[in-house]
Every structure is written in structure tokens, then in C-alpha cells.
């Protein structure tokens, strides 16, 4: 899904970033800029505050995407490049 967009630049996609210290797996949807070659740059959501949520990858981080499957459908999560 996102990998197909790897050669497109200056477009944005939705990607989910894992929240740390939540006691269970929790992901925050946010936008990411498509950099190309399978890389994405995380952007902050409106109201983002590192004081209230600890993201695995902070805004400005470059990541790759992995597809997760759930009962409600597939979605892309941020993983290390």
C-alpha cells in the first residue's frame, strides 16, 4: 500500500505511530511526508504535545512503514528505517 508510493514525493499519507508507556499497544494516526525509496517523515498531529504522549518516533523522524492487519482492516505503522 504505502510501498507503492515510495517513488512519489511531496505527498502525504496517514501512518500510525506507537505510543510508549501506555501499558498496552496504542497507536496514534498522523500524517507523514513521502520522501521516496520507502521512507516517510513523521509530522505532528494538531495538538501534539510530548508532555502528554510519548511517541516512538517524534515528528521530524524518518521511518519506513509496515502493514498491520486488524479486524477493521489494514493500516500502516511507523518502523525503524
PDB file of N, CA and C in Angstrom:
ATOM      1  N   UNK A   1       0.831  -1.175   0.000  1.00  0.00           N
ATOM      2  CA  UNK A   1       0.000   0.000   0.000  1.00  0.00           C
ATOM      3  C   UNK A   1       0.884   1.250   0.000  1.00  0.00           C
ATOM      4  N   UNK A   2       1.585   1.552   1.106  1.00  0.00           N
ATOM      5  CA  UNK A   2       2.463   2.710   1.136  1.00  0.00           C
ATOM      6  C   UNK A   2       3.720   2.489   0.313  1.00  0.00           C
ATOM      7  N   UNK A   3       4.180   1.250   0.252  1.00  0.00           N
ATOM      8  CA  UNK A   3       5.400   0.983  -0.508  1.00  0.00           C
ATOM      9  C   UNK A   3       5.227   1.348  -1.971  1.00  0.00           C
ATOM     10  N   UNK A   4       4.010   1.212  -2.505  1.00  0.00           N
ATOM     11  CA  UNK A   4       3.765   1.557  -3.892  1.00  0.00           C
ATOM     12  C   UNK A   4       3.989   3.044  -4.120  1.00  0.00           C
ATOM     13  N   UNK A   5       3.864   3.852  -3.074  1.00  0.00           N
ATOM     14  CA  UNK A   5       4.030   5.281  -3.197  1.00  0.00           C
ATOM     15  C   UNK A   5       5.480   5.697  -2.965  1.00  0.00           C
ATOM     16  N   UNK A   6       6.372   4.744  -2.816  1.00  0.00           N
ATOM     17  CA  UNK A   6       7.753   5.040  -2.472  1.00  0.00           C
ATOM     18  C   UNK A   6       8.467   5.954  -3.425  1.00  0.00           C
ATOM     19  N   UNK A   7       8.056   6.027  -4.692  1.00  0.00           N
ATOM     20  CA  UNK A   7       8.736   6.891  -5.637  1.00  0.00           C
ATOM     21  C   UNK A   7       8.066   8.253  -5.758  1.00  0.00           C
ATOM     22  N   UNK A   8       6.949   8.448  -5.079  1.00  0.00           N
ATOM     23  CA  UNK A   8       6.227   9.710  -5.125  1.00  0.00           C
ATOM     24  C   UNK A   8       6.752  10.605  -3.999  1.00  0.00           C
ATOM     25  N   UNK A   9       7.041  11.864  -4.315  1.00  0.00           N
ATOM     26  CA  UNK A   9       7.499  12.770  -3.275  1.00  0.00           C
ATOM     27  C   UNK A   9       6.538  13.938  -3.137  1.00  0.00           C
ATOM     28  N   UNK A  10       6.643  14.645  -2.031  1.00  0.00           N
ATOM     29  CA  UNK A  10       5.806  15.792  -1.703  1.00  0.00           C
ATOM     30  C   UNK A  10       4.335  15.446  -1.522  1.00  0.00           C
ATOM     31  N   UNK A  11       4.007  14.193  -1.324  1.00  0.00           N
ATOM     32  CA  UNK A  11       2.641  13.830  -0.979  1.00  0.00           C
ATOM     33  C   UNK A  11       2.646  13.327   0.459  1.00  0.00           C
ATOM     34  N   UNK A  12       1.465  13.273   1.035  1.00  0.00           N
ATOM     35  CA  UNK A  12       1.343  12.858   2.426  1.00  0.00           C
ATOM     36  C   UNK A  12       0.421  11.656   2.537  1.00  0.00           C
ATOM     37  N   UNK A  13       0.702  10.823   3.535  1.00  0.00           N
ATOM     38  CA  UNK A  13      -0.098   9.635   3.807  1.00  0.00           C
ATOM     39  C   UNK A  13      -0.374   9.577   5.303  1.00  0.00           C
ATOM     40  N   UNK A  14      -1.342   8.777   5.683  1.00  0.00           N
ATOM     41  CA  UNK A  14      -1.598   8.531   7.100  1.00  0.00           C
ATOM     42  C   UNK A  14      -0.757   7.348   7.543  1.00  0.00           C
ATOM     43  N   UNK A  15      -0.097   7.515   8.671  1.00  0.00           N
ATOM     44  CA  UNK A  15       0.715   6.455   9.248  1.00  0.00           C
ATOM     45  C   UNK A  15       0.460   6.460  10.755  1.00  0.00           C
ATOM     46  N   UNK A  16       0.557   5.307  11.382  1.00  0.00           N
ATOM     47  CA  UNK A  16       0.292   5.190  12.810  1.00  0.00           C
ATOM     48  C   UNK A  16       1.608   5.047  13.560  1.00  0.00           C
ATOM     49  N   UNK A  17       1.767   5.843  14.621  1.00  0.00           N
ATOM     50  CA  UNK A  17       2.974   5.826  15.450  1.00  0.00           C
ATOM     51  C   UNK A  17       2.615   5.220  16.804  1.00  0.00           C
ATOM     52  N   UNK A  18       3.433   4.273  17.235  1.00  0.00           N
ATOM     53  CA  UNK A  18       3.179   3.619  18.528  1.00  0.00           C
ATOM     54  C   UNK A  18       3.431   4.599  19.670  1.00  0.00           C
ATOM     55  N   UNK A  19       2.517   4.587  20.640  1.00  0.00           N
ATOM     56  CA  UNK A  19       2.694   5.384  21.852  1.00  0.00           C
ATOM     57  C   UNK A  19       3.369   4.522  22.906  1.00  0.00           C
ATOM     58  N   UNK A  20       4.344   5.086  23.578  1.00  0.00           N
ATOM     59  CA  UNK A  20       5.087   4.358  24.600  1.00  0.00           C
ATOM     60  C   UNK A  20       4.488   4.631  25.974  1.00  0.00           C
ATOM     61  N   UNK A  21       4.752   3.744  26.901  1.00  0.00           N
ATOM     62  CA  UNK A  21       4.324   3.892  28.303  1.00  0.00           C
ATOM     63  C   UNK A  21       2.808   3.920  28.468  1.00  0.00           C
ATOM     64  N   UNK A  22       2.089   3.205  27.621  1.00  0.00           N
ATOM     65  CA  UNK A  22       0.625   3.172  27.707  1.00  0.00           C
ATOM     66  C   UNK A  22       0.107   1.913  28.403  1.00  0.00           C
ATOM     67  N   UNK A  23       0.951   0.915  28.608  1.00  0.00           N
ATOM     68  CA  UNK A  23       0.528  -0.320  29.257  1.00  0.00           C
ATOM     69  C   UNK A  23      -0.044  -1.350  28.299  1.00  0.00           C
ATOM     70  N   UNK A  24      -0.341  -0.950  27.085  1.00  0.00           N
ATOM     71  CA  UNK A  24      -0.835  -1.828  26.031  1.00  0.00           C
ATOM     72  C   UNK A  24      -0.455  -1.197  24.701  1.00  0.00           C
ATOM     73  N   UNK A  25      -0.589  -1.933  23.608  1.00  0.00           N
ATOM     74  CA  UNK A  25      -0.260  -1.362  22.301  1.00  0.00           C
ATOM     75  C   UNK A  25      -1.301  -0.334  21.899  1.00  0.00           C
ATOM     76  N   UNK A  26      -0.839   0.914  21.741  1.00  0.00           N
ATOM     77  CA  UNK A  26      -1.689   2.015  21.318  1.00  0.00           C
ATOM     78  C   UNK A  26      -0.958   2.753  20.203  1.00  0.00           C
ATOM     79  N   UNK A  27      -1.680   3.102  19.149  1.00  0.00           N
ATOM     80  CA  UNK A  27      -1.095   3.812  18.017  1.00  0.00           C
ATOM     81  C   UNK A  27      -1.857   5.102  17.758  1.00  0.00           C
ATOM     82  N   UNK A  28      -1.116   6.163  17.425  1.00  0.00           N
ATOM     83  CA  UNK A  28      -1.692   7.460  17.106  1.00  0.00           C
ATOM     84  C   UNK A  28      -1.605   7.683  15.596  1.00  0.00           C
ATOM     85  N   UNK A  29      -2.733   7.940  14.925  1.00  0.00           N
ATOM     86  CA  UNK A  29      -2.643   8.258  13.496  1.00  0.00           C
ATOM     87  C   UNK A  29      -2.083   9.666  13.315  1.00  0.00           C
ATOM     88  N   UNK A  30      -1.229   9.825  12.328  1.00  0.00           N
ATOM     89  CA  UNK A  30      -0.681  11.136  11.991  1.00  0.00           C
ATOM     90  C   UNK A  30      -0.352  11.133  10.508  1.00  0.00           C
ATOM     91  N   UNK A  31       0.093  12.251  10.002  1.00  0.00           N
ATOM     92  CA  UNK A  31       0.493  12.308   8.603  1.00  0.00           C
ATOM     93  C   UNK A  31       2.000  12.139   8.503  1.00  0.00           C
ATOM     94  N   UNK A  32       2.403  11.697   7.332  1.00  0.00           N
ATOM     95  CA  UNK A  32       3.827  11.563   7.044  1.00  0.00           C
ATOM     96  C   UNK A  32       4.069  12.016   5.617  1.00  0.00           C
ATOM     97  N   UNK A  33       5.134  12.727   5.426  1.00  0.00           N
ATOM     98  CA  UNK A  33       5.546  13.180   4.102  1.00  0.00           C
ATOM     99  C   UNK A  33       6.255  12.027   3.407  1.00  0.00           C
ATOM    100  N   UNK A  34       5.877  11.743   2.169  1.00  0.00           N
ATOM    101  CA  UNK A  34       6.527  10.691   1.388  1.00  0.00           C
ATOM    102  C   UNK A  34       7.852  11.242   0.877  1.00  0.00           C
ATOM    103  N   UNK A  35       8.963  10.617   1.288  1.00  0.00           N
ATOM    104  CA  UNK A  35      10.296  11.057   0.879  1.00  0.00           C
ATOM    105  C   UNK A  35      10.792  10.309  -0.350  1.00  0.00           C
ATOM    106  N   UNK A  36      10.239   9.144  -0.614  1.00  0.00           N
ATOM    107  CA  UNK A  36      10.704   8.294  -1.708  1.00  0.00           C
ATOM    108  C   UNK A  36      11.552   7.154  -1.181  1.00  0.00           C
ATOM    109  N   UNK A  37      11.767   6.162  -2.013  1.00  0.00           N
ATOM    110  CA  UNK A  37      12.568   4.981  -1.657  1.00  0.00           C
ATOM    111  C   UNK A  37      12.073   4.303  -0.386  1.00  0.00           C
ATOM    112  N   UNK A  38      10.754   4.345  -0.146  1.00  0.00           N
ATOM    113  CA  UNK A  38      10.176   3.670   1.005  1.00  0.00           C
ATOM    114  C   UNK A  38      10.315   4.410   2.322  1.00  0.00           C
ATOM    115  N   UNK A  39      10.760   5.669   2.285  1.00  0.00           N
ATOM    116  CA  UNK A  39      10.931   6.457   3.505  1.00  0.00           C
ATOM    117  C   UNK A  39       9.836   7.508   3.650  1.00  0.00           C
ATOM    118  N   UNK A  40       9.502   7.804   4.914  1.00  0.00           N
ATOM    119  CA  UNK A  40       8.462   8.769   5.250  1.00  0.00           C
ATOM    120  C   UNK A  40       8.951   9.622   6.409  1.00  0.00           C
ATOM    121  N   UNK A  41       8.558  10.903   6.434  1.00  0.00           N
ATOM    122  CA  UNK A  41       8.919  11.789   7.548  1.00  0.00           C
ATOM    123  C   UNK A  41       7.659  12.078   8.366  1.00  0.00           C
ATOM    124  N   UNK A  42       7.709  11.712   9.652  1.00  0.00           N
ATOM    125  CA  UNK A  42       6.577  11.878  10.564  1.00  0.00           C
ATOM    126  C   UNK A  42       6.294  13.363  10.777  1.00  0.00           C
ATOM    127  N   UNK A  43       4.998  13.716  10.733  1.00  0.00           N
ATOM    128  CA  UNK A  43       4.560  15.076  11.038  1.00  0.00           C
ATOM    129  C   UNK A  43       3.688  15.046  12.289  1.00  0.00           C
ATOM    130  N   UNK A  44       3.639  16.156  12.994  1.00  0.00           N
ATOM    131  CA  UNK A  44       2.849  16.238  14.228  1.00  0.00           C
ATOM    132  C   UNK A  44       1.362  16.366  13.913  1.00  0.00           C
ATOM    133  N   UNK A  45       0.546  15.781  14.756  1.00  0.00           N
ATOM    134  CA  UNK A  45      -0.894  15.988  14.665  1.00  0.00           C
ATOM    135  C   UNK A  45      -1.225  17.323  15.329  1.00  0.00           C
ATOM    136  N   UNK A  46      -2.371  17.909  14.987  1.00  0.00           N
ATOM    137  CA  UNK A  46      -2.769  19.130  15.705  1.00  0.00           C
ATOM    138  C   UNK A  46      -2.865  18.818  17.204  1.00  0.00           C
ATOM    139  N   UNK A  47      -2.330  19.676  18.012  1.00  0.00           N
ATOM    140  CA  UNK A  47      -2.366  19.466  19.458  1.00  0.00           C
ATOM    141  C   UNK A  47      -1.305  18.521  19.981  1.00  0.00           C
ATOM    142  N   UNK A  48      -0.361  18.103  19.126  1.00  0.00           N
ATOM    143  CA  UNK A  48       0.712  17.199  19.577  1.00  0.00           C
ATOM    144  C   UNK A  48       1.461  17.826  20.748  1.00  0.00           C
ATOM    145  N   UNK A  49       1.662  17.049  21.790  1.00  0.00           N
ATOM    146  CA  UNK A  49       2.442  17.504  22.943  1.00  0.00           C
ATOM    147  C   UNK A  49       3.254  16.331  23.489  1.00  0.00           C
ATOM    148  N   UNK A  50       4.588  16.439  23.461  1.00  0.00           N
ATOM    149  CA  UNK A  50       5.411  15.357  24.025  1.00  0.00           C
ATOM    150  C   UNK A  50       5.235  15.224  25.535  1.00  0.00           C
ATOM    151  N   UNK A  51       4.582  16.190  26.160  1.00  0.00           N
ATOM    152  CA  UNK A  51       4.321  16.108  27.600  1.00  0.00           C
ATOM    153  C   UNK A  51       3.151  15.184  27.914  1.00  0.00           C
ATOM    154  N   UNK A  52       2.232  15.017  26.947  1.00  0.00           N
ATOM    155  CA  UNK A  52       1.055  14.183  27.213  1.00  0.00           C
ATOM    156  C   UNK A  52       1.121  12.820  26.532  1.00  0.00           C
ATOM    157  N   UNK A  53       1.881  12.711  25.451  1.00  0.00           N
ATOM    158  CA  UNK A  53       2.048  11.429  24.759  1.00  0.00           C
ATOM    159  C   UNK A  53       3.510  11.244  24.385  1.00  0.00           C
ATOM    160  N   UNK A  54       4.026  10.049  24.634  1.00  0.00           N
ATOM    161  CA  UNK A  54       5.400   9.731  24.252  1.00  0.00           C
ATOM    162  C   UNK A  54       5.351   8.852  23.001  1.00  0.00           C
ATOM    163  N   UNK A  55       5.665   9.466  21.852  1.00  0.00           N
ATOM    164  CA  UNK A  55       5.648   8.747  20.576  1.00  0.00           C
ATOM    165  C   UNK A  55       6.945   7.960  20.403  1.00  0.00           C
ATOM    166  N   UNK A  56       6.844   6.777  19.804  1.00  0.00           N
ATOM    167  CA  UNK A  56       8.047   6.000  19.493  1.00  0.00           C
ATOM    168  C   UNK A  56       8.939   6.780  18.528  1.00  0.00           C
ATOM    169  N   UNK A  57       8.343   7.462  17.565  1.00  0.00           N
ATOM    170  CA  UNK A  57       9.071   8.299  16.606  1.00  0.00           C
ATOM    171  C   UNK A  57       8.467   9.693  16.670  1.00  0.00           C
ATOM    172  N   UNK A  58       9.253  10.680  17.075  1.00  0.00           N
ATOM    173  CA  UNK A  58       8.752  12.043  17.226  1.00  0.00           C
ATOM    174  C   UNK A  58       8.611  12.704  15.854  1.00  0.00           C
ATOM    175  N   UNK A  59       7.802  13.750  15.759  1.00  0.00           N
ATOM    176  CA  UNK A  59       7.697  14.481  14.498  1.00  0.00           C
ATOM    177  C   UNK A  59       9.082  14.897  13.996  1.00  0.00           C
ATOM    178  N   UNK A  60       9.285  14.735  12.692  1.00  0.00           N
ATOM    179  CA  UNK A  60      10.585  15.009  12.077  1.00  0.00           C
ATOM    180  C   UNK A  60      11.406  13.761  11.865  1.00  0.00           C
ATOM    181  N   UNK A  61      11.013  12.635  12.482  1.00  0.00           N
ATOM    182  CA  UNK A  61      11.740  11.373  12.319  1.00  0.00           C
ATOM    183  C   UNK A  61      11.458  10.764  10.946  1.00  0.00           C
ATOM    184  N   UNK A  62      12.483  10.184  10.346  1.00  0.00           N
ATOM    185  CA  UNK A  62      12.322   9.436   9.097  1.00  0.00           C
ATOM    186  C   UNK A  62      12.118   7.973   9.435  1.00  0.00           C
ATOM    187  N   UNK A  63      11.094   7.363   8.829  1.00  0.00           N
ATOM    188  CA  UNK A  63      10.717   5.983   9.133  1.00  0.00           C
ATOM    189  C   UNK A  63      10.384   5.229   7.856  1.00  0.00           C
ATOM    190  N   UNK A  64      10.224   3.942   7.997  1.00  0.00           N
ATOM    191  CA  UNK A  64       9.640   3.092   6.964  1.00  0.00           C
ATOM    192  C   UNK A  64       8.257   2.714   7.452  1.00  0.00           C
ATOM    193  N   UNK A  65       7.480   2.064   6.609  1.00  0.00           N
ATOM    194  CA  UNK A  65       6.130   1.658   7.002  1.00  0.00           C
ATOM    195  C   UNK A  65       6.002   0.147   6.915  1.00  0.00           C
ATOM    196  N   UNK A  66       5.273  -0.413   7.861  1.00  0.00           N
ATOM    197  CA  UNK A  66       4.938  -1.839   7.860  1.00  0.00           C
ATOM    198  C   UNK A  66       3.422  -1.937   7.927  1.00  0.00           C
ATOM    199  N   UNK A  67       2.869  -2.909   7.238  1.00  0.00           N
ATOM    200  CA  UNK A  67       1.422  -3.096   7.215  1.00  0.00           C
ATOM    201  C   UNK A  67       1.009  -3.972   8.393  1.00  0.00           C
ATOM    202  N   UNK A  68       0.017  -3.524   9.137  1.00  0.00           N
ATOM    203  CA  UNK A  68      -0.592  -4.299  10.222  1.00  0.00           C
ATOM    204  C   UNK A  68      -1.998  -4.662   9.802  1.00  0.00           C
ATOM    205  N   UNK A  69      -2.413  -5.852  10.160  1.00  0.00           N
ATOM    206  CA  UNK A  69      -3.756  -6.306   9.841  1.00  0.00           C
ATOM    207  C   UNK A  69      -4.576  -6.365  11.123  1.00  0.00           C
ATOM    208  N   UNK A  70      -5.818  -5.921  11.019  1.00  0.00           N
ATOM    209  CA  UNK A  70      -6.721  -5.999  12.157  1.00  0.00           C
ATOM    210  C   UNK A  70      -8.105  -6.371  11.639  1.00  0.00           C
ATOM    211  N   UNK A  71      -9.026  -6.612  12.550  1.00  0.00           N
ATOM    212  CA  UNK A  71     -10.390  -6.964  12.154  1.00  0.00           C
ATOM    213  C   UNK A  71     -11.046  -5.844  11.359  1.00  0.00           C
ATOM    214  N   UNK A  72     -10.631  -4.601  11.610  1.00  0.00           N
ATOM    215  CA  UNK A  72     -11.236  -3.473  10.906  1.00  0.00           C
ATOM    216  C   UNK A  72     -10.511  -3.120   9.610  1.00  0.00           C
ATOM    217  N   UNK A  73      -9.424  -3.827   9.283  1.00  0.00           N
ATOM    218  CA  UNK A  73      -8.709  -3.595   8.031  1.00  0.00           C
ATOM    219  C   UNK A  73      -7.221  -3.416   8.234  1.00  0.00           C
ATOM    220  N   UNK A  74      -6.525  -3.193   7.132  1.00  0.00           N
ATOM    221  CA  UNK A  74      -5.076  -2.999   7.152  1.00  0.00           C
ATOM    222  C   UNK A  74      -4.742  -1.534   7.415  1.00  0.00           C
ATOM    223  N   UNK A  75      -3.624  -1.296   8.103  1.00  0.00           N
ATOM    224  CA  UNK A  75      -3.148   0.055   8.313  1.00  0.00           C
ATOM    225  C   UNK A  75      -1.620   0.016   8.379  1.00  0.00           C
ATOM    226  N   UNK A  76      -0.982   1.170   8.161  1.00  0.00           N
ATOM    227  CA  UNK A  76       0.473   1.260   8.122  1.00  0.00           C
ATOM    228  C   UNK A  76       1.003   1.849   9.417  1.00  0.00           C
ATOM    229  N   UNK A  77       2.007   1.184   9.983  1.00  0.00           N
ATOM    230  CA  UNK A  77       2.642   1.688  11.196  1.00  0.00           C
ATOM    231  C   UNK A  77       4.077   2.112  10.887  1.00  0.00           C
ATOM    232  N   UNK A  78       4.572   3.062  11.655  1.00  0.00           N
ATOM    233  CA  UNK A  78       5.944   3.538  11.503  1.00  0.00           C
ATOM    234  C   UNK A  78       6.905   2.540  12.138  1.00  0.00           C
ATOM    235  N   UNK A  79       7.981   2.218  11.407  1.00  0.00           N
ATOM    236  CA  UNK A  79       9.036   1.328  11.920  1.00  0.00           C
ATOM    237  C   UNK A  79      10.391   1.959  11.594  1.00  0.00           C
ATOM    238  N   UNK A  80      11.433   1.460  12.235  1.00  0.00           N
ATOM    239  CA  UNK A  80      12.786   1.992  12.002  1.00  0.00           C
ATOM    240  C   UNK A  80      13.166   1.872  10.541  1.00  0.00           C
ATOM    241  N   UNK A  81      13.887   2.896  10.037  1.00  0.00           N
ATOM    242  CA  UNK A  81      14.327   2.836   8.625  1.00  0.00           C
ATOM    243  C   UNK A  81      15.407   1.802   8.398  1.00  0.00           C
TER     244      UNK A  81
END
